[in-house]
């Protein structure tokens, strides 16, 4: 073993001092939760937002992505206003996050409740959710055009359209469908998409505009029929879900002669007044969630459009989406007086 020369010894000593200096001036560890995080769902159980929140929670637990626990809490009162106001009032609280639907825009517009998406801190768009026109599999309609023709033939307000909530996405889309096709439905609101699917299987309504994830189990079981998707392009997923069909096999409503389209936000927000470090923590956490095979499988199972946005891109999208919803709500006569 070589003896260290004075020169080598001095170099080593200086290196050690430098290391110690670096350690002593290193920044504190980035922020992370110090107690359980409440994950608010401004909608009922069983619907698309509830399912996505519980999936995110499950992935975080399974892959040990967070030291503290995450608790999903449904606050659906007032078309989601209960959940939104809860987060708005939790100023500076980094232990509360919320998943949003497009009721982020529609609820305050319809009810006049004192809330706007700018009252929270945007974190990320996780996906855009599709809407599909569903009927009972035993109904005689094989295409969207056949169903619309039957609705017209039945006369105004004879066919029942089941949907989640009033003056929210499902009813806005129903009004858009009526305007585009010259039909008139009886719109029947339920608490969540899971309940809507059950009501359609039971033939208590004639159709629904449920999200794919809300009706996939009944579709796979042969109880429901998917007529068209309300988007500009077919869903890209080509793996068979039923014995005969993949999501890709469902035509767009425009292809099927029903010129209406509408997609819905699935986004994550925090309370107002949180720090950049706290927001960055959840953005990093959500990126880790998105990188898991579980998330990718869920995106395909639910036929989501896996668009992801954060930062300025997300804020720009939200600003434009708010304007579009105001126009839709105005046309439908749903704005609070």
Protein backbone atom coordinates (compact mmCIF):
# COMPACT_ATOMS: atom_id res chain seq x y z
CA UNK A 1 0.00 0.00 0.00
CA UNK A 2 1.42 3.40 -1.01
CA UNK A 3 2.08 6.08 1.60
CA UNK A 4 0.27 9.38 0.84
CA UNK A 5 2.62 12.24 0.02
CA UNK A 6 1.98 15.60 1.69
CA UNK A 7 0.60 16.83 -1.67
CA UNK A 8 -1.85 13.90 -1.93
CA UNK A 9 -2.85 14.25 1.71
CA UNK A 10 -3.64 17.96 1.26
CA UNK A 11 -5.69 17.19 -1.86
CA UNK A 12 -7.69 14.54 -0.01
CA UNK A 13 -8.22 16.84 2.95
CA UNK A 14 -9.40 19.68 0.70
CA UNK A 15 -11.74 17.28 -1.09
CA UNK A 16 -13.20 16.13 2.23
CA UNK A 17 -13.69 19.73 3.38
CA UNK A 18 -15.34 20.58 0.07
CA UNK A 19 -17.68 17.59 0.44
CA UNK A 20 -18.61 18.65 3.93
CA UNK A 21 -19.19 22.16 2.70
CA UNK A 22 -21.47 20.88 -0.03
CA UNK A 23 -23.39 18.82 2.46
CA UNK A 24 -23.81 21.70 4.85
CA UNK A 25 -25.11 24.06 2.14
CA UNK A 26 -27.29 21.50 0.29
CA UNK A 27 -30.95 22.54 -0.05
CA UNK A 28 -33.52 20.89 2.18
CA UNK A 29 -35.35 17.93 0.68
CA UNK A 30 -38.24 18.88 -1.61
CA UNK A 31 -41.68 18.96 -0.03
CA UNK A 32 -43.69 15.79 0.53
CA UNK A 33 -46.90 15.05 2.48
CA UNK A 34 -46.54 14.75 6.24
CA UNK A 35 -50.02 13.35 6.89
CA UNK A 36 -52.72 11.46 4.90
CA UNK A 37 -53.86 13.18 1.70
CA UNK A 38 -57.59 13.61 1.09
CA UNK A 39 -58.54 12.93 -2.55
CA UNK A 40 -61.89 14.62 -3.21
CA UNK A 41 -64.30 13.31 -5.87
CA UNK A 42 -66.99 15.94 -6.69
CA UNK A 43 -69.33 13.20 -7.93
CA UNK A 44 -71.04 10.04 -6.75
CA UNK A 45 -69.55 6.57 -6.37
CA UNK A 46 -69.19 4.26 -9.37
CA UNK A 47 -68.90 6.99 -11.99
CA UNK A 48 -65.87 7.71 -14.15
CA UNK A 49 -64.25 10.27 -11.83
CA UNK A 50 -64.73 8.03 -8.79
CA UNK A 51 -63.25 5.04 -10.62
CA UNK A 52 -60.22 7.02 -11.80
CA UNK A 53 -59.57 8.46 -8.33
CA UNK A 54 -59.69 5.02 -6.75
CA UNK A 55 -57.43 3.60 -9.46
CA UNK A 56 -54.84 6.37 -8.86
CA UNK A 57 -55.05 5.66 -5.11
CA UNK A 58 -54.59 1.92 -5.75
CA UNK A 59 -51.58 2.43 -8.04
CA UNK A 60 -49.93 4.70 -5.45
CA UNK A 61 -50.37 2.01 -2.77
CA UNK A 62 -49.35 -0.91 -5.01
CA UNK A 63 -46.17 0.77 -6.28
CA UNK A 64 -45.37 2.50 -2.95
CA UNK A 65 -45.24 5.91 -4.63
CA UNK A 66 -46.08 7.88 -1.47
CA UNK A 67 -45.12 7.45 2.19
CA UNK A 68 -48.42 8.78 3.54
CA UNK A 69 -51.82 7.27 2.73
CA UNK A 70 -54.38 8.73 0.32
CA UNK A 71 -58.07 8.69 1.22
CA UNK A 72 -60.75 9.05 -1.48
CA UNK A 73 -63.77 11.07 -0.30
CA UNK A 74 -66.92 11.59 -2.40
CA UNK A 75 -68.46 15.07 -2.05
CA UNK A 76 -71.13 15.11 -4.74
CA UNK A 77 -73.64 17.54 -3.20
CA UNK A 78 -74.90 20.36 -5.41
CA UNK A 79 -73.66 18.73 -8.65
CA UNK A 80 -70.12 18.64 -7.22
CA UNK A 81 -70.22 22.15 -5.70
CA UNK A 82 -69.68 20.58 -2.24
CA UNK A 83 -66.32 19.16 -3.35
CA UNK A 84 -65.18 22.27 -5.23
CA UNK A 85 -66.04 24.65 -2.37
CA UNK A 86 -64.30 22.33 0.10
CA UNK A 87 -61.05 22.58 -1.88
CA UNK A 88 -61.47 26.33 -2.54
CA UNK A 89 -61.81 26.91 1.22
CA UNK A 90 -58.75 24.77 2.04
CA UNK A 91 -56.39 27.61 1.06
CA UNK A 92 -52.74 26.68 1.48
CA UNK A 93 -53.56 23.07 2.45
CA UNK A 94 -51.29 20.75 0.41
CA UNK A 95 -52.89 17.61 1.86
CA UNK A 96 -56.05 17.89 -0.23
CA UNK A 97 -56.37 17.25 -3.98
CA UNK A 98 -59.43 16.90 -6.22
CA UNK A 99 -60.23 15.10 -9.47
CA UNK A 100 -62.37 17.15 -11.83
CA UNK A 101 -64.93 16.42 -14.49
CA UNK A 102 -66.26 19.10 -16.79
CA UNK A 103 -68.65 19.98 -13.93
CA UNK A 104 -65.67 22.14 -13.01
CA UNK A 105 -67.22 24.55 -15.55
CA UNK A 106 -70.88 23.55 -15.66
CA UNK A 107 -71.72 23.52 -11.93
CA UNK A 108 -70.92 27.19 -11.20
CA UNK A 109 -72.54 28.27 -14.48
CA UNK A 110 -75.75 26.34 -13.78
CA UNK A 111 -76.08 27.09 -10.07
CA UNK A 112 -74.39 30.45 -9.57
CA UNK A 113 -72.37 28.90 -6.73
CA UNK A 114 -69.35 31.17 -5.98
CA UNK A 115 -66.67 29.04 -7.55
CA UNK A 116 -64.43 29.08 -10.64
CA UNK A 117 -61.63 26.71 -11.68
CA UNK A 118 -59.20 29.61 -11.09
CA UNK A 119 -60.06 29.30 -7.38
CA UNK A 120 -57.92 26.13 -7.29
CA UNK A 121 -54.38 25.27 -8.39
CA UNK A 122 -54.26 23.27 -11.64
CA UNK A 123 -51.85 20.32 -11.50
CA UNK A 124 -52.45 18.11 -14.54
CA UNK A 125 -54.88 16.89 -17.18
CA UNK A 126 -54.72 13.11 -16.82
CA UNK A 127 -56.95 12.23 -19.78
CA UNK A 128 -59.99 13.20 -21.78
CA UNK A 129 -62.97 10.93 -21.39
CA UNK A 130 -65.19 9.88 -24.26
CA UNK A 131 -68.98 9.67 -24.39
CA UNK A 132 -70.76 6.79 -26.11
CA UNK A 133 -74.43 6.55 -27.10
CA UNK A 134 -75.67 3.32 -25.49
CA UNK A 135 -78.93 1.38 -25.78
CA UNK A 136 -80.09 -1.88 -24.25
CA UNK A 137 -78.73 -4.83 -26.27
CA UNK A 138 -82.27 -6.23 -26.61
CA UNK A 139 -83.55 -3.01 -28.23
CA UNK A 140 -84.11 -3.25 -32.00
CA UNK A 141 -81.73 -0.41 -32.94
CA UNK A 142 -78.45 -1.59 -34.47
CA UNK A 143 -77.10 1.87 -35.37
CA UNK A 144 -77.25 5.42 -34.02
CA UNK A 145 -79.17 6.51 -37.12
CA UNK A 146 -81.82 3.82 -36.45
CA UNK A 147 -82.18 4.94 -32.84
CA UNK A 148 -82.51 8.62 -33.79
CA UNK A 149 -85.09 7.70 -36.46
CA UNK A 150 -87.06 5.72 -33.84
CA UNK A 151 -86.87 8.66 -31.42
CA UNK A 152 -88.26 10.99 -34.07
CA UNK A 153 -91.00 8.50 -34.97
CA UNK A 154 -92.00 8.12 -31.31
CA UNK A 155 -92.61 11.85 -31.08
CA UNK A 156 -91.18 14.49 -28.73
CA UNK A 157 -90.40 13.55 -25.12
CA UNK A 158 -91.22 9.85 -25.47
CA UNK A 159 -87.73 8.31 -25.37
CA UNK A 160 -85.87 8.47 -22.03
CA UNK A 161 -82.18 9.44 -21.89
CA UNK A 162 -80.45 8.51 -18.64
CA UNK A 163 -77.52 10.61 -17.45
CA UNK A 164 -75.47 11.73 -14.48
CA UNK A 165 -76.78 14.90 -12.82
CA UNK A 166 -78.72 17.86 -14.20
CA UNK A 167 -77.27 20.66 -16.32
CA UNK A 168 -73.98 18.77 -16.39
CA UNK A 169 -72.08 17.03 -19.19
CA UNK A 170 -74.61 14.27 -19.92
CA UNK A 171 -77.54 16.68 -20.18
CA UNK A 172 -75.52 19.24 -22.17
CA UNK A 173 -74.59 16.47 -24.62
CA UNK A 174 -78.23 15.32 -24.76
CA UNK A 175 -79.34 18.87 -25.65
CA UNK A 176 -76.57 19.04 -28.28
CA UNK A 177 -77.81 15.72 -29.69
CA UNK A 178 -81.39 17.03 -29.79
CA UNK A 179 -80.34 20.23 -31.59
CA UNK A 180 -78.22 18.32 -34.13
CA UNK A 181 -80.91 15.74 -34.93
CA UNK A 182 -84.23 17.50 -34.32
CA UNK A 183 -85.22 15.08 -31.55
CA UNK A 184 -86.49 15.63 -28.01
CA UNK A 185 -85.74 13.23 -25.13
CA UNK A 186 -87.02 12.99 -21.57
CA UNK A 187 -83.75 13.45 -19.69
CA UNK A 188 -83.63 11.49 -16.41
CA UNK A 189 -80.78 12.37 -14.02
CA UNK A 190 -79.10 9.83 -11.73
CA UNK A 191 -76.34 10.20 -9.13
CA UNK A 192 -73.55 8.51 -11.09
CA UNK A 193 -72.62 6.67 -14.28
CA UNK A 194 -72.69 3.29 -12.54
CA UNK A 195 -76.35 3.79 -11.65
CA UNK A 196 -77.13 5.01 -15.20
CA UNK A 197 -75.74 1.77 -16.68
CA UNK A 198 -77.83 -0.34 -14.28
CA UNK A 199 -80.98 1.62 -15.18
CA UNK A 200 -80.33 1.08 -18.90
CA UNK A 201 -79.79 -2.66 -18.40
CA UNK A 202 -83.10 -2.72 -16.48
CA UNK A 203 -84.84 -0.89 -19.37
CA UNK A 204 -85.91 1.99 -17.11
CA UNK A 205 -84.42 4.35 -19.72
CA UNK A 206 -84.03 3.89 -23.49
CA UNK A 207 -80.48 5.18 -23.89
CA UNK A 208 -77.56 6.83 -22.14
CA UNK A 209 -74.46 8.82 -23.04
CA UNK A 210 -72.25 7.14 -20.44
CA UNK A 211 -68.45 7.22 -20.54
CA UNK A 212 -66.88 3.94 -21.75
CA UNK A 213 -65.54 2.98 -18.29
CA UNK A 214 -69.02 3.40 -16.77
CA UNK A 215 -70.68 0.88 -19.09
CA UNK A 216 -67.86 -1.45 -20.16
CA UNK A 217 -68.85 -4.27 -17.77
CA UNK A 218 -72.43 -4.32 -19.07
CA UNK A 219 -71.21 -4.03 -22.69
CA UNK A 220 -68.81 -6.94 -22.21
CA UNK A 221 -71.63 -8.97 -20.64
CA UNK A 222 -73.80 -8.41 -23.72
CA UNK A 223 -76.39 -6.31 -21.85
CA UNK A 224 -75.73 -2.99 -23.61
CA UNK A 225 -75.09 -1.96 -27.22
CA UNK A 226 -72.64 0.81 -28.17
CA UNK A 227 -74.01 2.83 -31.11
CA UNK A 228 -71.46 5.63 -31.60
CA UNK A 229 -68.75 7.71 -29.90
CA UNK A 230 -69.11 11.50 -29.63
CA UNK A 231 -65.68 12.41 -31.00
CA UNK A 232 -64.03 13.40 -34.29
CA UNK A 233 -62.10 10.14 -34.53
CA UNK A 234 -62.72 6.54 -33.55
CA UNK A 235 -61.15 5.34 -30.32
CA UNK A 236 -57.74 3.80 -31.13
CA UNK A 237 -58.02 0.60 -29.06
CA UNK A 238 -58.35 -2.50 -31.27
CA UNK A 239 -58.31 -5.32 -28.70
CA UNK A 240 -61.71 -7.05 -28.60
CA UNK A 241 -63.77 -6.12 -25.52
CA UNK A 242 -66.91 -8.08 -26.39
CA UNK A 243 -66.94 -11.28 -28.43
CA UNK A 244 -67.24 -9.25 -31.63
CA UNK A 245 -66.21 -5.64 -30.96
CA UNK A 246 -63.28 -3.51 -29.86
CA UNK A 247 -63.59 0.16 -28.90
CA UNK A 248 -62.23 0.96 -32.36
CA UNK A 249 -65.17 -0.82 -33.97
CA UNK A 250 -67.62 1.76 -32.59
CA UNK A 251 -68.19 4.40 -35.30
CA UNK A 252 -68.03 8.10 -34.50
CA UNK A 253 -71.48 9.67 -34.19
CA UNK A 254 -70.66 11.84 -37.20
CA UNK A 255 -69.93 8.70 -39.25
CA UNK A 256 -73.26 7.32 -38.04
CA UNK A 257 -75.14 10.40 -39.25
CA UNK A 258 -75.40 12.06 -35.82
CA UNK A 259 -73.27 15.24 -36.05
CA UNK A 260 -72.44 15.82 -32.37
CA UNK A 261 -69.17 15.58 -30.43
CA UNK A 262 -68.08 16.24 -26.84
CA UNK A 263 -65.18 15.07 -24.64
CA UNK A 264 -64.73 15.50 -20.90
CA UNK A 265 -61.83 16.52 -18.69
CA UNK A 266 -60.26 14.25 -16.13
CA UNK A 267 -57.91 16.62 -14.30
CA UNK A 268 -56.24 16.99 -10.92
CA UNK A 269 -56.22 20.25 -8.94
CA UNK A 270 -55.01 21.38 -5.52
CA UNK A 271 -56.26 24.02 -3.11
CA UNK A 272 -55.40 27.68 -3.80
CA UNK A 273 -52.32 29.21 -2.19
CA UNK A 274 -50.11 26.09 -2.24
CA UNK A 275 -46.40 26.42 -3.06
CA UNK A 276 -44.62 25.52 -6.29
CA UNK A 277 -42.76 22.72 -4.48
CA UNK A 278 -46.04 21.22 -3.29
CA UNK A 279 -47.57 21.40 -6.77
CA UNK A 280 -44.38 19.89 -8.25
CA UNK A 281 -44.63 16.98 -5.81
CA UNK A 282 -48.10 15.98 -7.07
CA UNK A 283 -47.15 16.51 -10.72
CA UNK A 284 -44.19 14.16 -10.22
CA UNK A 285 -46.42 11.67 -8.38
CA UNK A 286 -48.99 11.69 -11.21
CA UNK A 287 -46.26 11.21 -13.82
CA UNK A 288 -45.10 8.14 -11.86
CA UNK A 289 -48.72 6.87 -11.85
CA UNK A 290 -48.98 7.38 -15.63
CA UNK A 291 -45.75 5.41 -16.19
CA UNK A 292 -47.17 2.23 -14.61
CA UNK A 293 -48.58 -0.65 -16.68
CA UNK A 294 -51.72 -0.43 -14.50
CA UNK A 295 -52.45 3.09 -15.78
CA UNK A 296 -51.83 2.15 -19.42
CA UNK A 297 -54.14 -0.85 -19.04
CA UNK A 298 -56.82 1.40 -17.49
CA UNK A 299 -56.54 3.91 -20.35
CA UNK A 300 -57.27 1.11 -22.83
CA UNK A 301 -59.94 -0.57 -20.72
CA UNK A 302 -61.83 2.71 -20.41
CA UNK A 303 -61.06 3.82 -23.98
CA UNK A 304 -59.69 7.16 -22.79
CA UNK A 305 -57.97 9.75 -24.93
CA UNK A 306 -54.70 9.79 -22.92
CA UNK A 307 -53.99 13.52 -23.44
CA UNK A 308 -51.73 14.90 -20.72
CA UNK A 309 -51.16 18.58 -19.96
CA UNK A 310 -49.64 20.58 -17.11
CA UNK A 311 -48.43 24.12 -16.47
CA UNK A 312 -49.26 26.82 -19.02
CA UNK A 313 -50.58 24.27 -21.56
CA UNK A 314 -53.17 23.05 -19.06
CA UNK A 315 -54.19 26.60 -18.07
CA UNK A 316 -54.63 27.53 -21.75
CA UNK A 317 -56.79 24.42 -22.34
CA UNK A 318 -58.91 25.22 -19.25
CA UNK A 319 -59.45 28.82 -20.38
CA UNK A 320 -60.66 27.69 -23.82
CA UNK A 321 -62.80 24.86 -22.39
CA UNK A 322 -64.52 27.29 -20.01
CA UNK A 323 -65.49 29.54 -22.96
CA UNK A 324 -66.78 26.54 -24.96
CA UNK A 325 -68.89 25.34 -22.02
CA UNK A 326 -70.34 28.81 -21.48
CA UNK A 327 -71.53 28.79 -25.11
CA UNK A 328 -73.00 25.28 -24.77
CA UNK A 329 -74.73 26.15 -21.49
CA UNK A 330 -76.13 29.36 -22.95
CA UNK A 331 -77.49 27.56 -26.01
CA UNK A 332 -79.11 24.94 -23.76
CA UNK A 333 -80.65 27.61 -21.52
CA UNK A 334 -78.80 26.22 -18.49
CA UNK A 335 -77.02 29.37 -17.23
CA UNK A 336 -78.09 30.53 -13.77
CA UNK A 337 -80.49 33.48 -14.00
